[in-house]
């Protein structure tokens, strides 16, 4: 690597409400474009970053990771502070460290964790509405957990794959390994009137819209409109057209990305 050029890992979070997703898109405001523009101002060079996970429009992150090479002669904390100062208020740069050239935010990742939050109550929340899905009907948490257990292991998740990848004949390999999947409730809330139900799923990789599509179908079980066996059947059918509509984006958060021995 040329003198003065270093390869870095950038840890970051963002409120995805006003973004058209994480990845660069023509004439759209994205997280990648905001950070790359800030790095260009700091280094006077174009910088291209790789992201650990692609998040859709309106989806949030607290544990996103990016990597790339750039010109910087000061220490890592100075870069973190300078980059955080130049990014907008809905992006937070939580860490920067110089890493080996082989480190790639996406391809070096061992697993990723997403969380999805539902506000379960008769009226919508005031303070949390940008970060939860409001569901009025009381949801059966035990039944949703029973159904979620069916996700664990290596499966073809075509039934929950978006962007046309889950339709038979698409030619896309939809096999992924889910390492953990469960729901829990949070009785102590920021505001009265509801309970937060949180779904956490950890896997070696995710398909487009996969978590939101899973949550949409799990809520059918939670509403007692379907049994956990029906959800298991959705997995087995391997056809996106058979499953339910996706949950809305605002409840989803990329929580963390895990690397072997915390590589980087």
C-alpha atoms as a PDB file:
ATOM      1  CA  UNK A   1       0.000   0.000   0.000  1.00  0.00           C
ATOM      2  CA  UNK A   2       1.324   3.453  -0.914  1.00  0.00           C
ATOM      3  CA  UNK A   3       2.893   5.655   1.744  1.00  0.00           C
ATOM      4  CA  UNK A   4       0.296   7.582   3.722  1.00  0.00           C
ATOM      5  CA  UNK A   5      -2.508   5.253   2.617  1.00  0.00           C
ATOM      6  CA  UNK A   6      -4.148   3.096   5.250  1.00  0.00           C
ATOM      7  CA  UNK A   7      -6.937   0.521   5.239  1.00  0.00           C
ATOM      8  CA  UNK A   8      -9.563   1.262   7.861  1.00  0.00           C
ATOM      9  CA  UNK A   9     -12.587  -0.252   9.526  1.00  0.00           C
ATOM     10  CA  UNK A  10     -15.332   2.273  10.305  1.00  0.00           C
ATOM     11  CA  UNK A  11     -18.052   1.417  12.837  1.00  0.00           C
ATOM     12  CA  UNK A  12     -21.177   3.508  12.520  1.00  0.00           C
ATOM     13  CA  UNK A  13     -24.869   3.873  13.196  1.00  0.00           C
ATOM     14  CA  UNK A  14     -27.653   5.856  11.572  1.00  0.00           C
ATOM     15  CA  UNK A  15     -31.298   6.802  11.752  1.00  0.00           C
ATOM     16  CA  UNK A  16     -32.469   5.495   8.398  1.00  0.00           C
ATOM     17  CA  UNK A  17     -35.677   7.546   8.226  1.00  0.00           C
ATOM     18  CA  UNK A  18     -34.408  10.105   5.687  1.00  0.00           C
ATOM     19  CA  UNK A  19     -32.109   7.764   3.741  1.00  0.00           C
ATOM     20  CA  UNK A  20     -32.861   5.751   0.610  1.00  0.00           C
ATOM     21  CA  UNK A  21     -30.842   2.922   2.126  1.00  0.00           C
ATOM     22  CA  UNK A  22     -27.210   2.352   2.948  1.00  0.00           C
ATOM     23  CA  UNK A  23     -25.773   1.725  -0.522  1.00  0.00           C
ATOM     24  CA  UNK A  24     -24.899   4.363  -3.108  1.00  0.00           C
ATOM     25  CA  UNK A  25     -27.726   5.166  -5.565  1.00  0.00           C
ATOM     26  CA  UNK A  26     -27.837   7.764  -8.337  1.00  0.00           C
ATOM     27  CA  UNK A  27     -29.470  11.010  -7.221  1.00  0.00           C
ATOM     28  CA  UNK A  28     -30.574   9.536  -3.903  1.00  0.00           C
ATOM     29  CA  UNK A  29     -29.443  10.369  -0.374  1.00  0.00           C
ATOM     30  CA  UNK A  30     -27.726   7.300   1.063  1.00  0.00           C
ATOM     31  CA  UNK A  31     -25.473   6.581   4.030  1.00  0.00           C
ATOM     32  CA  UNK A  32     -22.586   5.541   1.782  1.00  0.00           C
ATOM     33  CA  UNK A  33     -22.699   8.784  -0.189  1.00  0.00           C
ATOM     34  CA  UNK A  34     -22.733  10.913   2.969  1.00  0.00           C
ATOM     35  CA  UNK A  35     -19.714   9.172   4.486  1.00  0.00           C
ATOM     36  CA  UNK A  36     -17.735   9.024   1.247  1.00  0.00           C
ATOM     37  CA  UNK A  37     -18.390  12.728   0.684  1.00  0.00           C
ATOM     38  CA  UNK A  38     -17.096  13.504   4.178  1.00  0.00           C
ATOM     39  CA  UNK A  39     -13.980  11.406   3.578  1.00  0.00           C
ATOM     40  CA  UNK A  40     -13.383  13.169   0.281  1.00  0.00           C
ATOM     41  CA  UNK A  41     -13.426  16.490   2.127  1.00  0.00           C
ATOM     42  CA  UNK A  42     -10.951  15.170   4.703  1.00  0.00           C
ATOM     43  CA  UNK A  43      -8.515  13.517   2.288  1.00  0.00           C
ATOM     44  CA  UNK A  44      -9.043  15.489  -0.968  1.00  0.00           C
ATOM     45  CA  UNK A  45      -9.394  12.116  -2.719  1.00  0.00           C
ATOM     46  CA  UNK A  46     -12.253   9.912  -3.802  1.00  0.00           C
ATOM     47  CA  UNK A  47     -12.878   7.098  -1.334  1.00  0.00           C
ATOM     48  CA  UNK A  48     -15.036   4.040  -1.969  1.00  0.00           C
ATOM     49  CA  UNK A  49     -16.300   2.038   0.969  1.00  0.00           C
ATOM     50  CA  UNK A  50     -17.633  -1.485   1.343  1.00  0.00           C
ATOM     51  CA  UNK A  51     -20.495  -1.987   3.819  1.00  0.00           C
ATOM     52  CA  UNK A  52     -21.071  -5.097   5.919  1.00  0.00           C
ATOM     53  CA  UNK A  53     -24.804  -5.162   5.256  1.00  0.00           C
ATOM     54  CA  UNK A  54     -27.189  -3.522   2.841  1.00  0.00           C
ATOM     55  CA  UNK A  55     -30.083  -1.779   4.596  1.00  0.00           C
ATOM     56  CA  UNK A  56     -33.182  -0.611   2.754  1.00  0.00           C
ATOM     57  CA  UNK A  57     -34.890   2.743   2.766  1.00  0.00           C
ATOM     58  CA  UNK A  58     -36.037   3.626   6.277  1.00  0.00           C
ATOM     59  CA  UNK A  59     -34.055   0.863   8.019  1.00  0.00           C
ATOM     60  CA  UNK A  60     -31.735   1.855  10.860  1.00  0.00           C
ATOM     61  CA  UNK A  61     -28.371   0.645  12.135  1.00  0.00           C
ATOM     62  CA  UNK A  62     -26.381   0.869  15.348  1.00  0.00           C
ATOM     63  CA  UNK A  63     -23.722  -1.693  14.401  1.00  0.00           C
ATOM     64  CA  UNK A  64     -22.983  -1.142  10.718  1.00  0.00           C
ATOM     65  CA  UNK A  65     -19.381  -1.613   9.561  1.00  0.00           C
ATOM     66  CA  UNK A  66     -17.613  -0.147   6.520  1.00  0.00           C
ATOM     67  CA  UNK A  67     -14.105  -0.601   5.189  1.00  0.00           C
ATOM     68  CA  UNK A  68     -11.879   1.100   2.641  1.00  0.00           C
ATOM     69  CA  UNK A  69      -8.473   2.625   1.941  1.00  0.00           C
ATOM     70  CA  UNK A  70      -7.716   6.311   2.314  1.00  0.00           C
ATOM     71  CA  UNK A  71      -4.963   8.862   2.853  1.00  0.00           C
ATOM     72  CA  UNK A  72      -4.572   9.877   6.502  1.00  0.00           C
ATOM     73  CA  UNK A  73      -1.413  10.594   8.499  1.00  0.00           C
ATOM     74  CA  UNK A  74      -2.838  11.187  11.973  1.00  0.00           C
ATOM     75  CA  UNK A  75      -4.143   8.623  14.471  1.00  0.00           C
ATOM     76  CA  UNK A  76      -7.382   6.652  14.196  1.00  0.00           C
ATOM     77  CA  UNK A  77      -9.252   8.618  16.856  1.00  0.00           C
ATOM     78  CA  UNK A  78      -8.476  11.881  15.051  1.00  0.00           C
ATOM     79  CA  UNK A  79     -10.007  10.391  11.911  1.00  0.00           C
ATOM     80  CA  UNK A  80     -13.074   9.207  13.817  1.00  0.00           C
ATOM     81  CA  UNK A  81     -13.598  12.624  15.378  1.00  0.00           C
ATOM     82  CA  UNK A  82     -13.075  14.486  12.100  1.00  0.00           C
ATOM     83  CA  UNK A  83     -15.375  12.145  10.167  1.00  0.00           C
ATOM     84  CA  UNK A  84     -18.090  12.306  12.810  1.00  0.00           C
ATOM     85  CA  UNK A  85     -17.889  16.106  12.742  1.00  0.00           C
ATOM     86  CA  UNK A  86     -18.513  16.186   8.991  1.00  0.00           C
ATOM     87  CA  UNK A  87     -21.326  13.660   8.776  1.00  0.00           C
ATOM     88  CA  UNK A  88     -24.959  14.760   9.290  1.00  0.00           C
ATOM     89  CA  UNK A  89     -26.818  14.439  12.571  1.00  0.00           C
ATOM     90  CA  UNK A  90     -28.530  11.203  11.543  1.00  0.00           C
ATOM     91  CA  UNK A  91     -25.170   9.404  11.216  1.00  0.00           C
ATOM     92  CA  UNK A  92     -22.825   8.559  14.096  1.00  0.00           C
ATOM     93  CA  UNK A  93     -19.246   7.374  13.614  1.00  0.00           C
ATOM     94  CA  UNK A  94     -18.605   5.221  16.671  1.00  0.00           C
ATOM     95  CA  UNK A  95     -15.160   3.847  15.856  1.00  0.00           C
ATOM     96  CA  UNK A  96     -12.283   3.911  13.366  1.00  0.00           C
ATOM     97  CA  UNK A  97      -9.281   1.609  13.378  1.00  0.00           C
ATOM     98  CA  UNK A  98      -6.492   0.795  10.964  1.00  0.00           C
ATOM     99  CA  UNK A  99      -6.760  -2.841   9.838  1.00  0.00           C
ATOM    100  CA  UNK A 100      -4.982  -5.315   7.587  1.00  0.00           C
ATOM    101  CA  UNK A 101      -5.525  -4.959   3.855  1.00  0.00           C
ATOM    102  CA  UNK A 102      -7.368  -8.293   3.710  1.00  0.00           C
ATOM    103  CA  UNK A 103     -10.192  -7.021   5.932  1.00  0.00           C
ATOM    104  CA  UNK A 104     -13.438  -6.485   4.006  1.00  0.00           C
ATOM    105  CA  UNK A 105     -16.508  -5.282   5.893  1.00  0.00           C
ATOM    106  CA  UNK A 106     -18.821  -7.608   3.966  1.00  0.00           C
ATOM    107  CA  UNK A 107     -16.776 -10.651   3.002  1.00  0.00           C
ATOM    108  CA  UNK A 108     -14.854 -10.950   6.275  1.00  0.00           C
ATOM    109  CA  UNK A 109     -18.061 -11.009   8.334  1.00  0.00           C
ATOM    110  CA  UNK A 110     -18.947 -14.251  10.076  1.00  0.00           C
ATOM    111  CA  UNK A 111     -22.509 -13.335  11.012  1.00  0.00           C
ATOM    112  CA  UNK A 112     -24.894 -10.418  11.363  1.00  0.00           C
ATOM    113  CA  UNK A 113     -27.574  -9.621  13.920  1.00  0.00           C
ATOM    114  CA  UNK A 114     -30.793  -7.748  13.174  1.00  0.00           C
ATOM    115  CA  UNK A 115     -33.465  -6.642  15.619  1.00  0.00           C
ATOM    116  CA  UNK A 116     -37.060  -5.761  14.785  1.00  0.00           C
ATOM    117  CA  UNK A 117     -39.291  -3.905  17.248  1.00  0.00           C
ATOM    118  CA  UNK A 118     -43.078  -3.826  17.420  1.00  0.00           C
ATOM    119  CA  UNK A 119     -45.065  -1.441  19.593  1.00  0.00           C
ATOM    120  CA  UNK A 120     -47.955  -3.620  20.742  1.00  0.00           C
ATOM    121  CA  UNK A 121     -50.798  -1.511  22.101  1.00  0.00           C
ATOM    122  CA  UNK A 122     -54.104   0.142  21.186  1.00  0.00           C
ATOM    123  CA  UNK A 123     -52.615   3.537  20.313  1.00  0.00           C
ATOM    124  CA  UNK A 124     -49.398   4.450  18.480  1.00  0.00           C
ATOM    125  CA  UNK A 125     -46.400   5.706  20.460  1.00  0.00           C
ATOM    126  CA  UNK A 126     -45.464   9.372  20.459  1.00  0.00           C
ATOM    127  CA  UNK A 127     -41.694   9.267  20.826  1.00  0.00           C
ATOM    128  CA  UNK A 128     -40.883   5.918  19.233  1.00  0.00           C
ATOM    129  CA  UNK A 129     -43.015   5.988  16.089  1.00  0.00           C
ATOM    130  CA  UNK A 130     -39.979   6.297  13.764  1.00  0.00           C
ATOM    131  CA  UNK A 131     -38.388   3.167  15.242  1.00  0.00           C
ATOM    132  CA  UNK A 132     -41.226   0.659  15.740  1.00  0.00           C
ATOM    133  CA  UNK A 133     -44.110  -0.954  13.886  1.00  0.00           C
ATOM    134  CA  UNK A 134     -47.403  -0.261  15.645  1.00  0.00           C
ATOM    135  CA  UNK A 135     -49.578  -3.365  15.966  1.00  0.00           C
ATOM    136  CA  UNK A 136     -52.899  -2.859  17.782  1.00  0.00           C
ATOM    137  CA  UNK A 137     -53.952  -6.502  18.139  1.00  0.00           C
ATOM    138  CA  UNK A 138     -52.449  -8.290  21.115  1.00  0.00           C
ATOM    139  CA  UNK A 139     -49.776 -10.644  19.805  1.00  0.00           C
ATOM    140  CA  UNK A 140     -49.172 -14.155  21.112  1.00  0.00           C
ATOM    141  CA  UNK A 141     -45.476 -14.013  21.971  1.00  0.00           C
ATOM    142  CA  UNK A 142     -45.215 -17.699  22.893  1.00  0.00           C
ATOM    143  CA  UNK A 143     -46.648 -18.792  19.546  1.00  0.00           C
ATOM    144  CA  UNK A 144     -44.311 -16.467  17.654  1.00  0.00           C
ATOM    145  CA  UNK A 145     -41.339 -17.927  19.520  1.00  0.00           C
ATOM    146  CA  UNK A 146     -42.462 -21.449  18.704  1.00  0.00           C
ATOM    147  CA  UNK A 147     -42.662 -20.518  15.039  1.00  0.00           C
ATOM    148  CA  UNK A 148     -39.335 -18.648  15.110  1.00  0.00           C
ATOM    149  CA  UNK A 149     -37.573 -21.810  16.301  1.00  0.00           C
ATOM    150  CA  UNK A 150     -38.298 -23.285  12.849  1.00  0.00           C
ATOM    151  CA  UNK A 151     -35.907 -20.751  11.329  1.00  0.00           C
ATOM    152  CA  UNK A 152     -32.826 -22.070  13.092  1.00  0.00           C
ATOM    153  CA  UNK A 153     -30.449 -24.099  10.941  1.00  0.00           C
ATOM    154  CA  UNK A 154     -29.557 -24.153   7.272  1.00  0.00           C
ATOM    155  CA  UNK A 155     -32.593 -23.681   5.019  1.00  0.00           C
ATOM    156  CA  UNK A 156     -33.607 -22.375   1.638  1.00  0.00           C
ATOM    157  CA  UNK A 157     -35.270 -19.082   2.644  1.00  0.00           C
ATOM    158  CA  UNK A 158     -36.729 -18.238  -0.772  1.00  0.00           C
ATOM    159  CA  UNK A 159     -40.154 -17.711   0.827  1.00  0.00           C
ATOM    160  CA  UNK A 160     -38.744 -14.673   2.602  1.00  0.00           C
ATOM    161  CA  UNK A 161     -36.477 -13.299  -0.146  1.00  0.00           C
ATOM    162  CA  UNK A 162     -37.432 -10.019  -1.819  1.00  0.00           C
ATOM    163  CA  UNK A 163     -36.465  -8.235  -5.045  1.00  0.00           C
ATOM    164  CA  UNK A 164     -37.657 -11.209  -7.077  1.00  0.00           C
ATOM    165  CA  UNK A 165     -35.021 -13.554  -5.679  1.00  0.00           C
ATOM    166  CA  UNK A 166     -37.574 -15.739  -3.872  1.00  0.00           C
ATOM    167  CA  UNK A 167     -39.642 -16.648  -6.933  1.00  0.00           C
ATOM    168  CA  UNK A 168     -39.046 -20.140  -8.360  1.00  0.00           C
ATOM    169  CA  UNK A 169     -36.821 -19.982 -11.406  1.00  0.00           C
ATOM    170  CA  UNK A 170     -34.950 -16.873 -10.276  1.00  0.00           C
ATOM    171  CA  UNK A 171     -31.688 -18.829 -10.242  1.00  0.00           C
ATOM    172  CA  UNK A 172     -30.621 -17.287  -6.913  1.00  0.00           C
ATOM    173  CA  UNK A 173     -29.294 -19.517  -4.136  1.00  0.00           C
ATOM    174  CA  UNK A 174     -31.418 -18.575  -1.115  1.00  0.00           C
ATOM    175  CA  UNK A 175     -29.718 -20.944   1.324  1.00  0.00           C
ATOM    176  CA  UNK A 176     -28.655 -19.312   4.559  1.00  0.00           C
ATOM    177  CA  UNK A 177     -27.886 -20.521   8.090  1.00  0.00           C
ATOM    178  CA  UNK A 178     -29.827 -18.943  10.959  1.00  0.00           C
ATOM    179  CA  UNK A 179     -27.932 -19.305  14.218  1.00  0.00           C
ATOM    180  CA  UNK A 180     -30.533 -17.834  16.597  1.00  0.00           C
ATOM    181  CA  UNK A 181     -34.030 -16.365  16.352  1.00  0.00           C
ATOM    182  CA  UNK A 182     -36.342 -15.361  19.185  1.00  0.00           C
ATOM    183  CA  UNK A 183     -38.803 -12.789  20.503  1.00  0.00           C
ATOM    184  CA  UNK A 184     -38.816 -11.040  23.855  1.00  0.00           C
ATOM    185  CA  UNK A 185     -40.884  -8.302  25.484  1.00  0.00           C
ATOM    186  CA  UNK A 186     -39.735  -5.094  27.159  1.00  0.00           C
ATOM    187  CA  UNK A 187     -42.259  -4.213  29.898  1.00  0.00           C
ATOM    188  CA  UNK A 188     -40.531  -0.982  30.984  1.00  0.00           C
ATOM    189  CA  UNK A 189     -41.090   1.606  28.292  1.00  0.00           C
ATOM    190  CA  UNK A 190     -40.150   5.141  27.433  1.00  0.00           C
ATOM    191  CA  UNK A 191     -43.843   5.966  27.373  1.00  0.00           C
ATOM    192  CA  UNK A 192     -47.072   4.304  28.564  1.00  0.00           C
ATOM    193  CA  UNK A 193     -49.701   2.647  26.419  1.00  0.00           C
ATOM    194  CA  UNK A 194     -47.902  -0.329  24.918  1.00  0.00           C
ATOM    195  CA  UNK A 195     -45.235  -2.991  25.120  1.00  0.00           C
ATOM    196  CA  UNK A 196     -42.254  -3.396  22.828  1.00  0.00           C
ATOM    197  CA  UNK A 197     -41.879  -6.848  21.337  1.00  0.00           C
ATOM    198  CA  UNK A 198     -38.394  -7.355  19.939  1.00  0.00           C
ATOM    199  CA  UNK A 199     -37.341 -10.018  17.447  1.00  0.00           C
ATOM    200  CA  UNK A 200     -33.627 -10.805  17.227  1.00  0.00           C
ATOM    201  CA  UNK A 201     -32.175 -12.949  14.467  1.00  0.00           C
ATOM    202  CA  UNK A 202     -28.556 -13.924  13.875  1.00  0.00           C
ATOM    203  CA  UNK A 203     -27.417 -15.555  10.636  1.00  0.00           C
ATOM    204  CA  UNK A 204     -24.388 -16.043   8.422  1.00  0.00           C
ATOM    205  CA  UNK A 205     -26.088 -13.911   5.777  1.00  0.00           C
ATOM    206  CA  UNK A 206     -29.404 -12.360   4.812  1.00  0.00           C
ATOM    207  CA  UNK A 207     -31.431 -12.070   1.613  1.00  0.00           C
ATOM    208  CA  UNK A 208     -33.118  -8.852   0.420  1.00  0.00           C
ATOM    209  CA  UNK A 209     -35.976  -7.895   2.779  1.00  0.00           C
ATOM    210  CA  UNK A 210     -35.555 -11.245   4.549  1.00  0.00           C
ATOM    211  CA  UNK A 211     -36.042 -10.067   8.137  1.00  0.00           C
ATOM    212  CA  UNK A 212     -39.045  -7.876   7.344  1.00  0.00           C
ATOM    213  CA  UNK A 213     -40.670 -10.709   5.384  1.00  0.00           C
ATOM    214  CA  UNK A 214     -40.081 -13.131   8.247  1.00  0.00           C
ATOM    215  CA  UNK A 215     -41.596 -10.709  10.768  1.00  0.00           C
ATOM    216  CA  UNK A 216     -44.641 -10.155   8.552  1.00  0.00           C
ATOM    217  CA  UNK A 217     -45.355 -13.885   8.513  1.00  0.00           C
ATOM    218  CA  UNK A 218     -44.548 -14.415  12.197  1.00  0.00           C
ATOM    219  CA  UNK A 219     -47.133 -11.775  13.083  1.00  0.00           C
ATOM    220  CA  UNK A 220     -49.804 -13.878  11.401  1.00  0.00           C
ATOM    221  CA  UNK A 221     -48.960 -16.529  13.983  1.00  0.00           C
ATOM    222  CA  UNK A 222     -48.947 -13.887  16.720  1.00  0.00           C
ATOM    223  CA  UNK A 223     -52.453 -12.759  15.715  1.00  0.00           C
ATOM    224  CA  UNK A 224     -53.607 -16.386  16.028  1.00  0.00           C
ATOM    225  CA  UNK A 225     -54.514 -16.433  12.323  1.00  0.00           C
ATOM    226  CA  UNK A 226     -52.035 -19.233  11.667  1.00  0.00           C
ATOM    227  CA  UNK A 227     -50.264 -21.947  13.621  1.00  0.00           C
ATOM    228  CA  UNK A 228     -46.485 -22.384  13.946  1.00  0.00           C
ATOM    229  CA  UNK A 229     -46.795 -25.400  11.637  1.00  0.00           C
ATOM    230  CA  UNK A 230     -48.090 -23.068   8.909  1.00  0.00           C
ATOM    231  CA  UNK A 231     -44.970 -20.942   9.288  1.00  0.00           C
ATOM    232  CA  UNK A 232     -42.795 -24.040   8.965  1.00  0.00           C
ATOM    233  CA  UNK A 233     -44.703 -24.858   5.796  1.00  0.00           C
ATOM    234  CA  UNK A 234     -43.928 -21.405   4.415  1.00  0.00           C
ATOM    235  CA  UNK A 235     -40.222 -22.157   4.724  1.00  0.00           C
ATOM    236  CA  UNK A 236     -40.650 -25.523   3.009  1.00  0.00           C
ATOM    237  CA  UNK A 237     -42.558 -24.070   0.038  1.00  0.00           C
ATOM    238  CA  UNK A 238     -39.585 -21.890  -0.971  1.00  0.00           C
ATOM    239  CA  UNK A 239     -41.818 -19.434  -2.816  1.00  0.00           C
ATOM    240  CA  UNK A 240     -42.065 -15.761  -1.819  1.00  0.00           C
ATOM    241  CA  UNK A 241     -45.554 -15.549  -3.312  1.00  0.00           C
ATOM    242  CA  UNK A 242     -46.875 -17.874  -0.583  1.00  0.00           C
ATOM    243  CA  UNK A 243     -45.771 -15.829   2.429  1.00  0.00           C
ATOM    244  CA  UNK A 244     -47.192 -12.654   3.972  1.00  0.00           C
ATOM    245  CA  UNK A 245     -46.474  -9.017   3.171  1.00  0.00           C
ATOM    246  CA  UNK A 246     -43.319  -7.559   4.746  1.00  0.00           C
ATOM    247  CA  UNK A 247     -43.282  -5.656   8.000  1.00  0.00           C
ATOM    248  CA  UNK A 248     -42.586  -1.929   7.483  1.00  0.00           C
ATOM    249  CA  UNK A 249     -38.946  -0.774   7.490  1.00  0.00           C
ATOM    250  CA  UNK A 250     -38.895   1.562  10.484  1.00  0.00           C
ATOM    251  CA  UNK A 251     -38.878  -1.251  13.057  1.00  0.00           C
ATOM    252  CA  UNK A 252     -35.710  -2.870  11.695  1.00  0.00           C
ATOM    253  CA  UNK A 253     -32.189  -2.236  12.991  1.00  0.00           C
ATOM    254  CA  UNK A 254     -28.885  -3.745  11.875  1.00  0.00           C
ATOM    255  CA  UNK A 255     -27.664  -4.415  15.397  1.00  0.00           C
ATOM    256  CA  UNK A 256     -24.188  -5.850  14.996  1.00  0.00           C
ATOM    257  CA  UNK A 257     -21.741  -7.534  12.643  1.00  0.00           C
ATOM    258  CA  UNK A 258     -19.531 -10.288  13.972  1.00  0.00           C
ATOM    259  CA  UNK A 259     -16.049 -11.151  12.704  1.00  0.00           C
ATOM    260  CA  UNK A 260     -13.765 -14.091  13.581  1.00  0.00           C
ATOM    261  CA  UNK A 261     -11.878 -13.106  16.731  1.00  0.00           C
ATOM    262  CA  UNK A 262     -13.258  -9.588  16.170  1.00  0.00           C
ATOM    263  CA  UNK A 263     -11.093  -9.289  13.057  1.00  0.00           C
ATOM    264  CA  UNK A 264      -9.918  -5.842  12.216  1.00  0.00           C
END
